[in-house]
Amino acid sequence: MMEKVRTTSRPGFGSWKQSRLLNAWVDALTIPEIIERLDEGMLFTLNPDHLYHLQRNPDFAAAYADARMVSADSKYVYWALGLIGRKIKCKTSGSDIVPAYYKHHAHNPDVSIFFLGARPGIAQAALERVNGIVGRDIVVGAHGPTFNFVNDEAESDQVIAAINASGATCLIVGLGAPKQEVWIHKHRHLMPGVKVYMGVGAVIDYEADAVKRAPAWMNRNGLEWVYRMVTEPRRYWRRYARTLEFFWLVLFDRLGLYRPPHFPSPVTKTPMPLSAAAQPSMSRLDPDYRG
């Protein structure tokens, strides 16, 4: 029988709970607690769409298995864990973690950020806006990649060279899932100066003020998906349609009937050391999905 809840720990940070939802582990931490512990490794932000891909995409599951921290990016993840008796403290979305991270390190000269994602020009706008908020050049580089970026090794090589040249210690990637997580997992060993990696979807758009977030009352009540469907239907309709199975899988998990996929995933694989140079293939990525 699979574990439902487990305890993890790190020297200097004590221990905390992780709760399992399907084949993923979620850290039961608040945003300040995440920021305090986020000094190395990969942070991914779990939502129902990620769980859809985690049942099907071995490369995505391998990336999640090696994540240092996983947050609850959705009210539905938070509510589902409560419903099945594995409650966590709160929702911890990437769109809240990123600004908390750069504000926390506003006066820390040892932390610098590179934005990778969004349309051309948007990442640069996010750089300028965040640096204005912080009062220093905490974001030291930005790149809005082409649509086929994850499959273009030449462009990847150019971007990696730019990240390394920038001296960034944190790489924030907004390519949409599963592209961003698999790209980070595949290439992270090529960026020795980067200590923290975040896969955060549309957050770079938010930080550039290119896309407005849902009103706070909609976020509080789990209705952000309605706002997204109304404002960007072409981008999100397929994502929300395919994640309807989330509710069935949660029910199976509650009844003890859920079984993970046959390939290694966070609940069946021992996480690799941060220094391990994993090289997952990009072949299973949906080429026209942008998150």
Protein backbone atom coordinates (compact mmCIF):
# COMPACT_ATOMS: atom_id res chain seq x y z
CA MET A 1 0.00 0.00 0.00
CA MET A 2 1.29 3.45 -0.90
CA GLU A 3 2.10 5.93 1.85
CA LYS A 4 -0.44 8.70 2.29
CA VAL A 5 1.59 11.12 4.41
CA ARG A 6 5.29 11.18 5.17
CA THR A 7 7.79 13.37 6.98
CA THR A 8 10.82 14.92 5.32
CA SER A 9 13.59 17.08 6.73
CA ARG A 10 16.66 19.13 5.87
CA PRO A 11 19.54 20.18 8.09
CA GLY A 12 18.84 23.63 9.46
CA PHE A 13 15.16 23.57 8.54
CA GLY A 14 13.78 20.85 10.78
CA SER A 15 11.11 18.46 9.54
CA TRP A 16 7.76 18.95 7.83
CA LYS A 17 4.94 16.90 6.34
CA GLN A 18 4.42 15.89 2.74
CA SER A 19 1.03 14.63 1.55
CA ARG A 20 0.51 12.32 -1.41
CA LEU A 21 -2.04 13.12 -4.10
CA LEU A 22 -2.18 10.36 -6.74
CA ASN A 23 1.49 9.90 -7.74
CA ALA A 24 2.85 13.22 -6.47
CA TRP A 25 4.05 14.49 -3.09
CA VAL A 26 3.05 17.98 -1.95
CA ASP A 27 4.97 19.89 0.72
CA ALA A 28 2.68 21.01 3.55
CA LEU A 29 4.27 24.44 3.93
CA THR A 30 3.18 28.07 3.80
CA ILE A 31 4.71 30.43 1.25
CA PRO A 32 7.12 31.99 3.80
CA GLU A 33 8.20 28.48 4.83
CA ILE A 34 8.79 27.55 1.19
CA ILE A 35 10.85 30.70 0.57
CA GLU A 36 12.93 30.04 3.68
CA ARG A 37 13.82 26.55 2.44
CA LEU A 38 14.19 27.41 -1.25
CA ASP A 39 17.96 27.71 -1.50
CA GLU A 40 18.64 24.91 -4.00
CA GLY A 41 16.96 22.44 -6.31
CA MET A 42 13.79 22.47 -8.40
CA LEU A 43 10.42 23.85 -7.28
CA PHE A 44 7.36 22.69 -9.23
CA THR A 45 3.80 23.88 -8.70
CA LEU A 46 1.24 21.06 -8.76
CA ASN A 47 -2.21 21.51 -10.27
CA PRO A 48 -4.79 19.12 -11.80
CA ASP A 49 -3.29 19.52 -15.27
CA HIS A 50 0.12 18.45 -13.96
CA LEU A 51 -1.52 15.38 -12.42
CA TYR A 52 -3.04 14.56 -15.82
CA HIS A 53 0.43 14.57 -17.39
CA LEU A 54 1.96 12.70 -14.44
CA GLN A 55 -0.23 9.71 -15.33
CA ARG A 56 1.06 9.69 -18.92
CA ASN A 57 4.47 11.32 -19.35
CA PRO A 58 7.49 9.43 -17.96
CA ASP A 59 9.86 12.36 -18.48
CA PHE A 60 7.56 14.71 -16.60
CA ALA A 61 7.20 12.18 -13.77
CA ALA A 62 10.99 11.77 -13.60
CA ALA A 63 11.39 15.54 -13.28
CA TYR A 64 8.83 15.63 -10.46
CA ALA A 65 10.58 12.74 -8.72
CA ASP A 66 13.75 14.85 -8.52
CA ALA A 67 12.06 18.07 -7.38
CA ARG A 68 13.32 19.52 -4.12
CA MET A 69 9.92 21.04 -3.35
CA VAL A 70 6.36 20.78 -4.73
CA SER A 71 3.73 23.39 -3.92
CA ALA A 72 -0.06 23.25 -4.23
CA ASP A 73 -0.71 25.59 -7.14
CA SER A 74 -4.46 25.02 -7.17
CA LYS A 75 -7.33 25.29 -4.73
CA TYR A 76 -8.49 21.95 -6.12
CA VAL A 77 -5.23 20.29 -5.07
CA TYR A 78 -5.60 21.87 -1.62
CA TRP A 79 -9.26 20.85 -1.31
CA ALA A 80 -8.64 17.34 -2.66
CA LEU A 81 -5.95 16.67 -0.07
CA GLY A 82 -8.33 17.81 2.66
CA LEU A 83 -11.13 15.65 1.28
CA ILE A 84 -9.01 12.49 1.36
CA GLY A 85 -7.68 13.18 4.86
CA ARG A 86 -4.21 14.49 3.98
CA LYS A 87 -4.77 18.19 4.56
CA ILE A 88 -1.98 20.70 3.96
CA LYS A 89 -1.74 24.19 5.39
CA CYS A 90 -2.78 26.28 2.38
CA LYS A 91 -2.67 26.80 -1.36
CA THR A 92 0.81 27.92 -2.46
CA SER A 93 0.66 29.05 -6.07
CA GLY A 94 3.65 29.92 -8.23
CA SER A 95 2.16 33.33 -8.91
CA ASP A 96 2.45 34.08 -5.19
CA ILE A 97 5.77 32.30 -4.60
CA VAL A 98 7.70 34.23 -7.27
CA PRO A 99 6.98 37.75 -5.92
CA ALA A 100 7.51 36.50 -2.38
CA TYR A 101 10.90 35.13 -3.46
CA TYR A 102 12.22 38.30 -5.08
CA LYS A 103 10.89 40.52 -2.30
CA HIS A 104 12.45 38.27 0.34
CA HIS A 105 15.83 38.56 -1.42
CA ALA A 106 15.51 42.22 -2.34
CA HIS A 107 18.61 43.14 -0.32
CA ASN A 108 20.50 39.86 -0.77
CA PRO A 109 23.31 40.44 -3.30
CA ASP A 110 23.93 36.70 -3.50
CA VAL A 111 20.58 36.11 -5.24
CA SER A 112 19.90 37.04 -8.85
CA ILE A 113 17.21 35.84 -11.26
CA PHE A 114 16.83 34.99 -14.95
CA PHE A 115 13.38 34.90 -16.59
CA LEU A 116 12.89 32.34 -19.36
CA GLY A 117 9.46 32.20 -20.97
CA ALA A 118 6.46 34.11 -22.30
CA ARG A 119 6.29 35.80 -25.70
CA PRO A 120 9.22 37.83 -27.04
CA GLY A 121 9.43 41.13 -25.16
CA ILE A 122 7.26 40.01 -22.23
CA ALA A 123 10.13 38.54 -20.22
CA GLN A 124 12.11 41.78 -20.67
CA ALA A 125 9.08 43.78 -19.49
CA ALA A 126 8.85 41.52 -16.43
CA LEU A 127 12.56 42.11 -15.76
CA GLU A 128 12.11 45.87 -15.83
CA ARG A 129 8.99 45.84 -13.67
CA VAL A 130 10.43 43.52 -10.99
CA ASN A 131 13.69 45.45 -10.80
CA GLY A 132 11.65 48.61 -10.32
CA ILE A 133 9.73 47.01 -7.46
CA VAL A 134 12.82 45.65 -5.76
CA GLY A 135 14.98 48.73 -6.27
CA ARG A 136 17.97 46.88 -7.72
CA ASP A 137 18.79 44.66 -10.69
CA ILE A 138 17.79 41.41 -9.04
CA VAL A 139 16.63 40.08 -12.44
CA VAL A 140 19.82 39.99 -14.49
CA GLY A 141 18.52 38.48 -17.71
CA ALA A 142 15.40 37.55 -19.67
CA HIS A 143 14.54 35.62 -22.80
CA GLY A 144 11.24 35.04 -24.59
CA PRO A 145 11.88 31.84 -26.55
CA THR A 146 10.48 30.72 -29.88
CA PHE A 147 7.51 28.37 -29.98
CA ASN A 148 9.71 25.34 -30.74
CA PHE A 149 12.32 26.22 -28.11
CA VAL A 150 12.24 22.95 -26.17
CA ASN A 151 13.00 20.97 -29.32
CA ASP A 152 15.65 23.36 -30.68
CA GLU A 153 18.97 22.41 -29.12
CA ALA A 154 20.74 25.32 -30.81
CA GLU A 155 18.42 27.84 -29.17
CA SER A 156 18.68 25.98 -25.86
CA ASP A 157 22.46 26.19 -26.07
CA GLN A 158 22.27 29.95 -26.71
CA VAL A 159 19.90 30.49 -23.81
CA ILE A 160 22.01 28.38 -21.44
CA ALA A 161 25.08 30.40 -22.42
CA ALA A 162 23.17 33.62 -21.69
CA ILE A 163 22.00 32.31 -18.30
CA ASN A 164 25.52 31.30 -17.34
CA ALA A 165 26.95 34.63 -18.51
CA SER A 166 24.35 36.55 -16.49
CA GLY A 167 25.51 35.06 -13.20
CA ALA A 168 21.91 34.23 -12.22
CA THR A 169 21.46 31.99 -9.19
CA CYS A 170 17.73 31.41 -9.79
CA LEU A 171 16.10 30.43 -13.09
CA ILE A 172 12.36 31.07 -13.37
CA VAL A 173 10.88 29.24 -16.35
CA GLY A 174 7.43 29.91 -17.79
CA LEU A 175 6.94 27.60 -20.78
CA GLY A 176 3.88 25.72 -19.55
CA ALA A 177 3.75 22.14 -18.33
CA PRO A 178 5.16 19.67 -19.07
CA LYS A 179 7.66 21.57 -21.23
CA GLN A 180 9.20 23.72 -18.50
CA GLU A 181 9.73 20.93 -15.97
CA VAL A 182 11.25 18.52 -18.48
CA TRP A 183 13.51 21.22 -19.97
CA ILE A 184 14.77 22.20 -16.51
CA HIS A 185 15.35 18.57 -15.56
CA LYS A 186 17.22 17.81 -18.75
CA HIS A 187 19.47 20.90 -18.82
CA ARG A 188 20.03 21.90 -15.19
CA HIS A 189 23.44 20.25 -15.00
CA LEU A 190 24.64 22.67 -17.73
CA MET A 191 24.05 25.72 -15.49
CA PRO A 192 26.38 25.25 -12.51
CA GLY A 193 25.83 28.76 -11.15
CA VAL A 194 22.07 28.32 -10.88
CA LYS A 195 21.00 26.98 -7.50
CA VAL A 196 17.21 27.36 -7.67
CA TYR A 197 14.90 26.42 -10.54
CA MET A 198 11.18 27.21 -10.67
CA GLY A 199 8.65 26.02 -13.23
CA VAL A 200 5.85 28.54 -12.95
CA GLY A 201 3.69 28.67 -16.10
CA ALA A 202 2.16 32.08 -16.78
CA VAL A 203 3.87 33.89 -13.90
CA ILE A 204 6.25 35.82 -16.16
CA ASP A 205 3.20 37.21 -17.99
CA TYR A 206 1.75 38.27 -14.64
CA GLU A 207 4.99 39.92 -13.54
CA ALA A 208 5.08 41.89 -16.81
CA ASP A 209 1.45 42.95 -16.32
CA ALA A 210 0.81 41.44 -19.76
CA VAL A 211 -1.90 39.17 -18.34
CA LYS A 212 -4.12 40.09 -15.42
CA ARG A 213 -4.68 37.63 -12.61
CA ALA A 214 -8.18 36.69 -11.58
CA PRO A 215 -9.76 38.90 -8.89
CA ALA A 216 -8.83 37.90 -5.37
CA TRP A 217 -12.35 36.69 -4.53
CA MET A 218 -12.23 34.27 -7.48
CA ASN A 219 -8.83 32.96 -6.39
CA ARG A 220 -10.08 32.43 -2.84
CA ASN A 221 -13.06 30.43 -4.05
CA GLY A 222 -11.27 28.26 -6.61
CA LEU A 223 -12.74 30.09 -9.60
CA GLU A 224 -9.53 31.25 -11.26
CA TRP A 225 -10.15 28.67 -14.01
CA VAL A 226 -13.43 30.43 -14.90
CA TYR A 227 -11.59 33.74 -15.27
CA ARG A 228 -8.93 32.12 -17.45
CA MET A 229 -11.50 30.40 -19.64
CA VAL A 230 -13.37 33.68 -20.19
CA THR A 231 -10.28 35.80 -20.84
CA GLU A 232 -8.12 33.26 -22.75
CA PRO A 233 -10.42 30.47 -24.02
CA ARG A 234 -8.17 29.34 -26.88
CA ARG A 235 -5.28 28.82 -24.48
CA TYR A 236 -7.10 27.05 -21.68
CA TRP A 237 -10.20 25.17 -22.92
CA ARG A 238 -8.33 21.95 -23.73
CA ARG A 239 -6.41 22.05 -20.45
CA TYR A 240 -9.55 22.23 -18.32
CA ALA A 241 -11.43 19.70 -20.44
CA ARG A 242 -8.77 17.05 -20.05
CA THR A 243 -8.39 17.52 -16.31
CA LEU A 244 -11.97 16.48 -15.58
CA GLU A 245 -10.53 13.03 -14.82
CA PHE A 246 -8.81 14.60 -11.80
CA PHE A 247 -12.03 14.31 -9.80
CA TRP A 248 -12.43 10.61 -10.60
CA LEU A 249 -8.82 9.86 -9.74
CA VAL A 250 -9.13 11.67 -6.42
CA LEU A 251 -12.16 9.53 -5.61
CA PHE A 252 -10.20 6.37 -6.50
CA ASP A 253 -7.36 7.59 -4.27
CA ARG A 254 -9.79 8.18 -1.41
CA LEU A 255 -11.16 4.64 -1.79
CA GLY A 256 -7.70 3.08 -2.03
CA LEU A 257 -8.27 2.09 -5.68
CA TYR A 258 -5.75 4.40 -7.35
CA ARG A 259 -2.70 2.76 -8.92
CA PRO A 260 0.25 4.78 -10.25
CA PRO A 261 1.41 4.38 -13.87
CA HIS A 262 3.89 1.64 -14.72
CA PHE A 263 6.81 4.02 -15.20
CA PRO A 264 8.83 5.57 -12.33
CA SER A 265 7.17 8.56 -10.68
CA PRO A 266 7.52 10.46 -7.39
CA VAL A 267 5.76 7.72 -5.39
CA THR A 268 7.73 4.83 -6.90
CA LYS A 269 11.19 6.30 -7.45
CA THR A 270 13.79 7.36 -4.91
CA PRO A 271 14.73 10.99 -5.72
CA MET A 272 18.17 11.43 -7.30
CA PRO A 273 20.85 13.64 -5.73
CA LEU A 274 20.80 17.24 -6.92
CA SER A 275 24.16 16.72 -8.61
CA ALA A 276 22.93 13.85 -10.76
CA ALA A 277 22.87 14.73 -14.43
CA ALA A 278 19.59 13.23 -15.56
CA GLN A 279 18.99 13.37 -19.30
CA PRO A 280 15.30 12.67 -20.02
CA SER A 281 14.08 12.70 -23.61
CA MET A 282 11.81 15.44 -24.93
CA SER A 283 10.02 13.05 -27.28
CA ARG A 284 6.84 12.70 -25.21
CA LEU A 285 6.12 16.41 -24.93
CA ASP A 286 2.97 17.63 -26.64
CA PRO A 287 4.53 19.94 -29.27
CA ASP A 288 1.61 22.37 -29.49
CA TYR A 289 0.81 22.69 -25.77
CA ARG A 290 1.87 25.95 -24.16
CA GLY A 291 0.38 25.47 -20.68
